[in-house]
Amino acid sequence: MKKTPAEKRAARLVLEDGTEFAGFSFGKARSQAGEVVFTTGMTGYPQSLTDPSYRGQILVSTYPLVGNYGVPLQPRTKEPWFDAAGLPVHFESPIVQAAGFVVSEACEEPSHFASTDTLSAWLEKNNVPGLRGIDTRALTKRLREAGVMRGKILVEGCGDVSFESGVVPHPVAEVSRAAPRTLVPAGGSGEKPLRIALVDCGVKANILRCFLARGAEVQCLPWNHDLGGIEYDGLFLSNGPGDPKACGKTIAALRGAFGRGKPIFGICLGNQIMALAAGADTYKLPYGHRSQNQPCVETGTGRCYITSQNHGYAVRGDTLPRGWEPWFVNANDGTIEGIRALNGPFCAVQFHPEGCPGPRDTEFLIDRFLAQVRECYTA
């Protein structure tokens, strides 16, 4: 019997409610389980797949054609693979963080001047399975109706796996750095740079790039690091995967940091952690917000911004204690997209101002935070 080529090997996605979608394997030929989530972004798969916030999840692309511009794995010109700060130039972390990737069509012949590999070859190098040839729109409708659920990619000849095998007990602990590291901006004005202590719960590389490009020194700390003995001008809470309530040590450390009165800013998981530290509650969304087009309205001004998002949990607005208020609200479903303190320089947003590949309409919030830090530093 003629052996089926790897690129035509049958595979299927099985959801825990029994729903199945049959297609073909690409990437690494292996079976894998994980929480199945969908993203509506049309571009940016290299950044999304390397985003630590997707740790342990099987990512579904609603856009039908994926991989058409390939993957910029190795430099074709003099451009380095890592920048001067040691950050990956094209990705949000050095490796693929998602557990699997499900698409309608995976392009096998990409066309882009920076492409040096196909999406399939890149996934294989990262030991990540892919599933192509299914109706991802129908799959997305199922996830919207039933809510996010566990699933497993089963590749022909690679055996079965349990749904439980894809559970990551503490994803933040997996993606956070193991030891502190200080990143120093290139060049400089000769003045002492602002020192930002960054709690790394799975920080995206572009957040670090944004701070460094603005001349700030960034002291990256593990998620559970004691902040008591750390000297900083401003504190930043990063994005990251999973349930914010699993970050008890981070929440406790932040409560102590409130007492120091120095500016604190958080993004994504950092928004949820700040809410919990303030005394509010969080909850799991039915299917999360993972897209590049979420409209968020700023309270007070009424201005609406288009934002990039990737999160599965949200803050319960009715649990915000006295002295705190919603800062941004999602125009689609009314969920809280940001909080701020009324009597302290503490604020956070659920979306990504540094969104990569974009949009970056709210990147000015990073400038606003650094201006606040500078004001407190010189006062």
Protein backbone atom coordinates (compact mmCIF):
# COMPACT_ATOMS: atom_id res chain seq x y z
CA MET A 1 0.00 0.00 0.00
CA LYS A 2 1.38 3.37 -0.97
CA LYS A 3 2.29 5.51 2.01
CA THR A 4 0.45 8.81 2.30
CA PRO A 5 2.88 11.73 1.97
CA ALA A 6 3.33 13.80 5.13
CA GLU A 7 1.75 16.84 3.49
CA LYS A 8 -1.38 14.79 2.73
CA ARG A 9 -1.55 12.93 6.02
CA ALA A 10 -5.08 12.90 7.41
CA ALA A 11 -5.73 14.67 10.68
CA ARG A 12 -8.71 15.92 12.64
CA LEU A 13 -9.66 18.24 15.45
CA VAL A 14 -11.82 16.72 18.17
CA LEU A 15 -13.57 19.01 20.64
CA GLU A 16 -14.52 17.83 24.11
CA ASP A 17 -18.23 18.11 23.22
CA GLY A 18 -17.68 15.45 20.56
CA THR A 19 -17.62 17.75 17.53
CA GLU A 20 -15.02 16.74 14.92
CA PHE A 21 -13.44 18.52 11.97
CA ALA A 22 -11.49 16.44 9.43
CA GLY A 23 -8.57 17.82 7.42
CA PHE A 24 -4.88 17.28 6.81
CA SER A 25 -1.74 17.60 8.89
CA PHE A 26 0.95 20.23 8.35
CA GLY A 27 3.78 21.35 10.56
CA LYS A 28 4.90 18.66 12.99
CA ALA A 29 3.12 15.33 12.55
CA ARG A 30 2.11 14.70 16.16
CA SER A 31 -1.07 14.60 18.19
CA GLN A 32 -1.59 17.41 20.68
CA ALA A 33 -4.29 18.64 23.05
CA GLY A 34 -5.01 22.15 24.29
CA GLU A 35 -7.66 24.79 24.85
CA VAL A 36 -9.08 25.78 21.45
CA VAL A 37 -9.34 29.53 20.84
CA PHE A 38 -9.80 31.63 17.72
CA THR A 39 -8.28 34.86 16.42
CA THR A 40 -9.82 37.14 13.80
CA GLY A 41 -6.58 38.83 12.72
CA MET A 42 -5.91 38.84 8.98
CA THR A 43 -2.13 39.06 9.39
CA GLY A 44 0.50 38.64 12.06
CA TYR A 45 0.64 34.85 12.48
CA PRO A 46 4.42 34.90 13.26
CA GLN A 47 3.77 37.33 16.11
CA SER A 48 0.60 35.62 17.34
CA LEU A 49 2.08 32.13 17.41
CA THR A 50 5.09 33.36 19.41
CA ASP A 51 2.98 35.41 21.84
CA PRO A 52 3.43 33.87 25.33
CA SER A 53 -0.23 34.63 26.06
CA TYR A 54 -1.12 31.70 23.73
CA ARG A 55 0.90 29.22 25.78
CA GLY A 56 -0.71 25.78 25.65
CA GLN A 57 -3.60 26.82 23.39
CA ILE A 58 -4.62 25.53 19.98
CA LEU A 59 -5.04 28.65 17.88
CA VAL A 60 -7.65 28.82 15.12
CA SER A 61 -7.37 31.45 12.38
CA THR A 62 -10.71 32.70 11.08
CA TYR A 63 -8.99 34.29 8.07
CA PRO A 64 -9.04 31.58 5.36
CA LEU A 65 -5.54 31.94 3.85
CA VAL A 66 -2.57 31.73 6.21
CA GLY A 67 1.14 31.52 5.44
CA ASN A 68 1.11 33.51 2.20
CA TYR A 69 4.03 35.70 3.29
CA GLY A 70 6.04 32.91 4.88
CA VAL A 71 8.22 33.22 7.96
CA PRO A 72 11.36 35.39 8.28
CA LEU A 73 13.47 32.81 10.12
CA GLN A 74 16.99 33.74 9.10
CA PRO A 75 18.30 37.08 7.80
CA ARG A 76 18.70 37.42 4.05
CA THR A 77 20.52 40.71 4.37
CA LYS A 78 22.57 42.32 7.12
CA GLU A 79 19.55 42.49 9.40
CA PRO A 80 20.32 40.49 12.58
CA TRP A 81 18.11 37.74 13.97
CA PHE A 82 18.23 39.38 17.41
CA ASP A 83 18.49 43.11 18.03
CA ALA A 84 21.04 44.89 20.25
CA ALA A 85 18.96 44.12 23.34
CA GLY A 86 18.80 40.41 22.50
CA LEU A 87 15.13 40.55 21.47
CA PRO A 88 13.91 38.58 18.44
CA VAL A 89 13.43 40.99 15.56
CA HIS A 90 10.37 39.42 13.93
CA PHE A 91 8.65 37.58 16.78
CA GLU A 92 7.24 38.18 20.28
CA SER A 93 9.38 35.42 21.80
CA PRO A 94 12.08 33.11 20.38
CA ILE A 95 9.79 30.06 20.08
CA VAL A 96 6.27 29.15 19.01
CA GLN A 97 4.17 29.26 22.18
CA ALA A 98 0.86 27.93 20.82
CA ALA A 99 0.23 24.19 21.20
CA GLY A 100 -1.24 23.88 17.71
CA PHE A 101 -2.47 25.88 14.73
CA VAL A 102 -5.70 25.30 12.79
CA VAL A 103 -6.30 26.99 9.43
CA SER A 104 -8.53 26.69 6.41
CA GLU A 105 -5.72 26.89 3.87
CA ALA A 106 -1.97 26.86 4.55
CA CYS A 107 0.00 28.45 1.72
CA GLU A 108 2.81 26.18 0.54
CA GLU A 109 4.51 28.72 -1.74
CA PRO A 110 4.81 32.02 0.15
CA SER A 111 5.86 35.22 -1.56
CA HIS A 112 7.62 37.93 0.45
CA PHE A 113 11.06 39.50 0.29
CA ALA A 114 11.80 38.62 3.93
CA SER A 115 10.48 35.06 3.81
CA THR A 116 13.01 32.29 4.26
CA ASP A 117 10.72 29.44 5.28
CA THR A 118 7.16 28.19 4.97
CA LEU A 119 4.73 28.24 7.86
CA SER A 120 4.64 24.44 7.83
CA ALA A 121 8.42 24.07 8.00
CA TRP A 122 8.62 26.62 10.83
CA LEU A 123 5.97 24.81 12.88
CA GLU A 124 7.77 21.52 12.33
CA LYS A 125 11.04 23.00 13.61
CA ASN A 126 9.16 24.12 16.72
CA ASN A 127 7.50 20.68 17.20
CA VAL A 128 4.03 22.22 16.78
CA PRO A 129 1.27 20.41 14.85
CA GLY A 130 -1.01 22.14 12.38
CA LEU A 131 -4.36 21.20 10.87
CA ARG A 132 -5.48 22.55 7.50
CA GLY A 133 -8.35 21.99 5.10
CA ILE A 134 -11.24 22.48 7.52
CA ASP A 135 -14.03 25.05 7.70
CA THR A 136 -12.57 27.37 10.35
CA ARG A 137 -15.59 29.67 10.11
CA ALA A 138 -17.88 26.80 11.17
CA LEU A 139 -15.43 25.91 13.94
CA THR A 140 -15.43 29.51 15.14
CA LYS A 141 -19.23 29.60 15.19
CA ARG A 142 -19.20 26.45 17.30
CA LEU A 143 -16.77 28.01 19.78
CA ARG A 144 -18.87 31.18 19.94
CA GLU A 145 -22.03 29.20 20.63
CA ALA A 146 -20.62 26.67 23.11
CA GLY A 147 -17.74 28.71 24.49
CA VAL A 148 -14.05 27.93 24.51
CA MET A 149 -13.38 24.26 25.18
CA ARG A 150 -10.57 21.75 25.16
CA GLY A 151 -9.67 19.99 21.97
CA LYS A 152 -7.04 17.80 20.41
CA ILE A 153 -5.38 17.59 17.02
CA LEU A 154 -5.13 13.90 16.13
CA VAL A 155 -2.75 13.07 13.28
CA GLU A 156 -3.10 9.76 11.43
CA GLY A 157 -0.52 7.27 12.66
CA CYS A 158 0.47 9.38 15.69
CA GLY A 159 -1.90 7.90 18.24
CA ASP A 160 -4.47 9.47 20.54
CA VAL A 161 -3.97 11.88 23.44
CA SER A 162 -6.28 12.82 26.30
CA PHE A 163 -7.89 16.21 26.63
CA GLU A 164 -6.24 16.55 30.04
CA SER A 165 -2.77 16.14 28.54
CA GLY A 166 -3.04 19.64 27.09
CA VAL A 167 -3.69 21.34 30.41
CA VAL A 168 -0.85 23.64 31.48
CA PRO A 169 -1.05 23.89 35.31
CA HIS A 170 0.69 27.27 35.58
CA PRO A 171 1.41 28.80 32.16
CA VAL A 172 2.77 32.06 33.60
CA ALA A 173 5.47 30.14 35.45
CA GLU A 174 6.42 28.47 32.16
CA VAL A 175 6.79 31.65 30.10
CA SER A 176 8.22 34.03 32.70
CA ARG A 177 11.97 34.49 32.94
CA ALA A 178 13.84 32.52 35.61
CA ALA A 179 16.12 35.34 36.79
CA PRO A 180 16.17 39.16 36.67
CA ARG A 181 17.75 40.85 33.69
CA THR A 182 18.29 44.54 32.94
CA LEU A 183 17.90 45.91 29.40
CA VAL A 184 19.61 49.21 28.68
CA PRO A 185 18.53 51.50 25.81
CA ALA A 186 21.00 52.03 22.99
CA GLY A 187 22.73 55.40 22.76
CA GLY A 188 21.09 57.78 25.20
CA SER A 189 20.94 61.50 25.87
CA GLY A 190 23.56 61.44 28.61
CA GLU A 191 20.92 61.78 31.30
CA LYS A 192 20.18 58.98 33.72
CA PRO A 193 17.41 56.89 32.10
CA LEU A 194 14.16 56.18 33.86
CA ARG A 195 14.25 52.76 35.47
CA ILE A 196 11.16 50.65 34.84
CA ALA A 197 10.74 47.47 36.86
CA LEU A 198 8.83 45.07 34.63
CA VAL A 199 7.07 42.06 36.13
CA ASP A 200 7.41 39.45 33.39
CA CYS A 201 4.34 37.21 33.28
CA GLY A 202 5.05 36.38 29.63
CA VAL A 203 5.98 39.76 28.22
CA LYS A 204 5.79 40.36 24.47
CA ALA A 205 9.05 41.51 22.91
CA ASN A 206 7.39 44.57 21.40
CA ILE A 207 6.53 45.91 24.86
CA LEU A 208 10.23 45.82 25.70
CA ARG A 209 11.07 47.45 22.37
CA CYS A 210 8.64 50.28 23.11
CA PHE A 211 10.26 51.09 26.45
CA LEU A 212 13.80 50.85 25.11
CA ALA A 213 12.99 53.00 22.08
CA ARG A 214 11.83 55.70 24.48
CA GLY A 215 15.10 55.66 26.40
CA ALA A 216 13.91 53.77 29.47
CA GLU A 217 16.00 51.17 31.29
CA VAL A 218 13.97 48.03 31.87
CA GLN A 219 14.65 45.70 34.78
CA CYS A 220 12.82 42.48 33.85
CA LEU A 221 11.76 40.43 36.87
CA PRO A 222 10.26 36.94 37.24
CA TRP A 223 6.51 36.85 37.85
CA ASN A 224 6.92 35.89 41.53
CA HIS A 225 9.83 38.22 42.36
CA ASP A 226 9.78 40.18 45.62
CA LEU A 227 9.46 43.88 44.77
CA GLY A 228 10.35 45.06 48.26
CA GLY A 229 14.08 45.44 47.63
CA ILE A 230 13.82 46.67 44.04
CA GLU A 231 14.55 50.30 43.26
CA TYR A 232 12.55 51.69 40.36
CA ASP A 233 10.97 54.87 39.06
CA GLY A 234 7.94 53.11 37.60
CA LEU A 235 6.46 49.62 37.73
CA PHE A 236 5.00 47.74 34.77
CA LEU A 237 2.88 44.56 34.77
CA SER A 238 3.08 42.55 31.57
CA ASN A 239 0.70 40.39 29.60
CA GLY A 240 0.68 36.64 30.06
CA PRO A 241 -1.37 33.45 29.72
CA GLY A 242 -4.01 31.82 31.88
CA ASP A 243 -6.06 32.66 34.94
CA PRO A 244 -4.82 35.79 36.77
CA LYS A 245 -5.87 34.28 40.10
CA ALA A 246 -3.03 31.76 39.71
CA CYS A 247 -0.58 34.66 40.14
CA GLY A 248 -1.08 35.03 43.89
CA LYS A 249 2.52 36.07 44.55
CA THR A 250 2.32 38.78 41.89
CA ILE A 251 -0.93 40.08 43.35
CA ALA A 252 0.54 40.21 46.86
CA ALA A 253 3.69 41.98 45.63
CA LEU A 254 1.58 44.56 43.79
CA ARG A 255 -0.44 45.34 46.91
CA GLY A 256 2.80 46.20 48.62
CA ALA A 257 3.89 48.32 45.64
CA PHE A 258 0.71 50.43 45.90
CA GLY A 259 2.03 51.74 49.19
CA ARG A 260 5.16 53.18 47.56
CA GLY A 261 3.11 55.61 45.51
CA LYS A 262 5.15 55.27 42.33
CA PRO A 263 3.42 55.03 38.92
CA ILE A 264 2.23 51.58 37.92
CA PHE A 265 0.93 50.55 34.49
CA GLY A 266 -0.33 47.18 33.33
CA ILE A 267 -1.30 45.56 30.04
CA CYS A 268 -3.62 42.57 29.47
CA LEU A 269 -2.97 40.09 32.30
CA GLY A 270 -1.43 43.05 34.11
CA ASN A 271 -4.84 44.73 34.06
CA GLN A 272 -6.47 41.71 35.68
CA ILE A 273 -3.71 41.39 38.29
CA MET A 274 -4.05 45.07 39.18
CA ALA A 275 -7.81 44.65 39.59
CA LEU A 276 -7.34 41.65 41.88
CA ALA A 277 -4.72 43.52 43.93
CA ALA A 278 -7.14 46.41 44.31
CA GLY A 279 -9.81 44.06 45.63
CA ALA A 280 -11.93 43.45 42.52
CA ASP A 281 -12.80 40.12 40.91
CA THR A 282 -12.16 38.56 37.48
CA TYR A 283 -14.01 35.97 35.42
CA LYS A 284 -13.45 33.79 32.35
CA LEU A 285 -14.99 35.06 29.12
CA PRO A 286 -17.06 32.63 27.00
CA TYR A 287 -14.60 32.77 24.08
CA GLY A 288 -12.25 35.64 24.86
CA HIS A 289 -11.06 38.60 22.80
CA ARG A 290 -8.34 37.73 20.32
CA SER A 291 -8.28 40.10 17.41
CA GLN A 292 -6.87 43.30 15.96
CA ASN A 293 -10.11 45.24 15.70
CA GLN A 294 -11.73 45.55 19.14
CA PRO A 295 -13.33 49.02 19.68
CA CYS A 296 -12.67 50.46 23.13
CA VAL A 297 -14.23 53.66 24.46
CA GLU A 298 -12.35 55.84 26.94
CA THR A 299 -14.61 56.93 29.78
CA GLY A 300 -14.82 60.67 30.23
CA THR A 301 -13.67 61.60 26.74
CA GLY A 302 -15.96 59.21 24.85
CA ARG A 303 -13.21 58.60 22.29
CA CYS A 304 -13.20 55.18 20.64
CA TYR A 305 -9.96 53.42 19.73
CA ILE A 306 -9.37 50.30 17.64
CA THR A 307 -7.25 47.90 19.68
CA SER A 308 -5.33 44.65 19.48
CA GLN A 309 -6.29 42.04 22.09
CA ASN A 310 -5.48 38.55 23.31
CA HIS A 311 -7.10 37.51 26.57
CA GLY A 312 -9.60 35.02 27.94
CA TYR A 313 -10.40 36.70 31.29
CA ALA A 314 -11.93 40.04 32.21
CA VAL A 315 -12.50 42.30 35.23
CA ARG A 316 -15.91 42.40 36.89
CA GLY A 317 -16.72 46.09 36.78
CA ASP A 318 -19.27 45.94 39.60
CA THR A 319 -16.61 44.64 41.99
CA LEU A 320 -14.19 47.56 41.62
CA PRO A 321 -13.74 49.02 45.12
CA ARG A 322 -14.12 52.65 46.09
CA GLY A 323 -11.26 54.72 44.72
CA TRP A 324 -11.12 52.82 41.40
CA GLU A 325 -13.07 53.27 38.17
CA PRO A 326 -13.34 51.77 34.68
CA TRP A 327 -11.00 53.56 32.27
CA PHE A 328 -11.93 51.89 28.97
CA VAL A 329 -15.01 49.86 28.00
CA ASN A 330 -15.43 47.48 25.07
CA ALA A 331 -17.98 48.95 22.64
CA ASN A 332 -19.04 45.46 21.48
CA ASP A 333 -19.91 43.70 24.73
CA GLY A 334 -19.46 46.28 27.49
CA THR A 335 -16.61 44.44 29.22
CA ILE A 336 -14.05 46.43 31.19
CA GLU A 337 -10.99 47.21 29.04
CA GLY A 338 -9.04 49.28 31.55
CA ILE A 339 -9.06 50.51 35.14
CA ARG A 340 -7.48 53.41 37.01
CA ALA A 341 -7.15 54.60 40.58
CA LEU A 342 -8.68 57.93 41.56
CA ASN A 343 -6.13 58.66 44.27
CA GLY A 344 -2.88 57.26 42.91
CA PRO A 345 -0.81 56.91 39.72
CA PHE A 346 -2.06 53.38 39.03
CA CYS A 347 -3.77 52.31 35.80
CA ALA A 348 -3.96 49.40 33.36
CA VAL A 349 -5.56 48.40 30.07
CA GLN A 350 -6.82 45.06 28.85
CA PHE A 351 -5.76 45.65 25.25
CA HIS A 352 -2.27 45.95 23.74
CA PRO A 353 -1.13 49.53 22.99
CA GLU A 354 2.05 48.08 21.49
CA GLY A 355 0.07 45.67 19.29
CA CYS A 356 2.32 43.91 16.83
CA PRO A 357 1.49 43.72 13.92
CA GLY A 358 -1.04 46.30 15.05
CA PRO A 359 -3.02 48.41 15.32
CA ARG A 360 -1.00 50.70 17.56
CA ASP A 361 -3.52 53.53 17.84
CA THR A 362 -3.14 53.59 21.63
CA GLU A 363 0.65 53.42 21.84
CA PHE A 364 0.51 56.96 23.23
CA LEU A 365 -0.53 55.38 26.55
CA ILE A 366 3.05 54.18 26.97
CA ASP A 367 4.26 57.75 26.42
CA ARG A 368 1.70 58.95 28.95
CA PHE A 369 2.93 56.43 31.52
CA LEU A 370 6.57 57.39 31.05
CA ALA A 371 5.65 61.09 31.30
CA GLN A 372 3.93 60.33 34.59
CA VAL A 373 7.01 58.43 35.80
CA ARG A 374 9.26 61.32 34.78
CA GLU A 375 7.02 63.81 36.56
CA CYS A 376 7.13 61.81 39.80
CA TYR A 377 10.89 61.28 39.41
CA THR A 378 11.65 64.99 39.08
CA ALA A 379 9.14 66.17 41.68
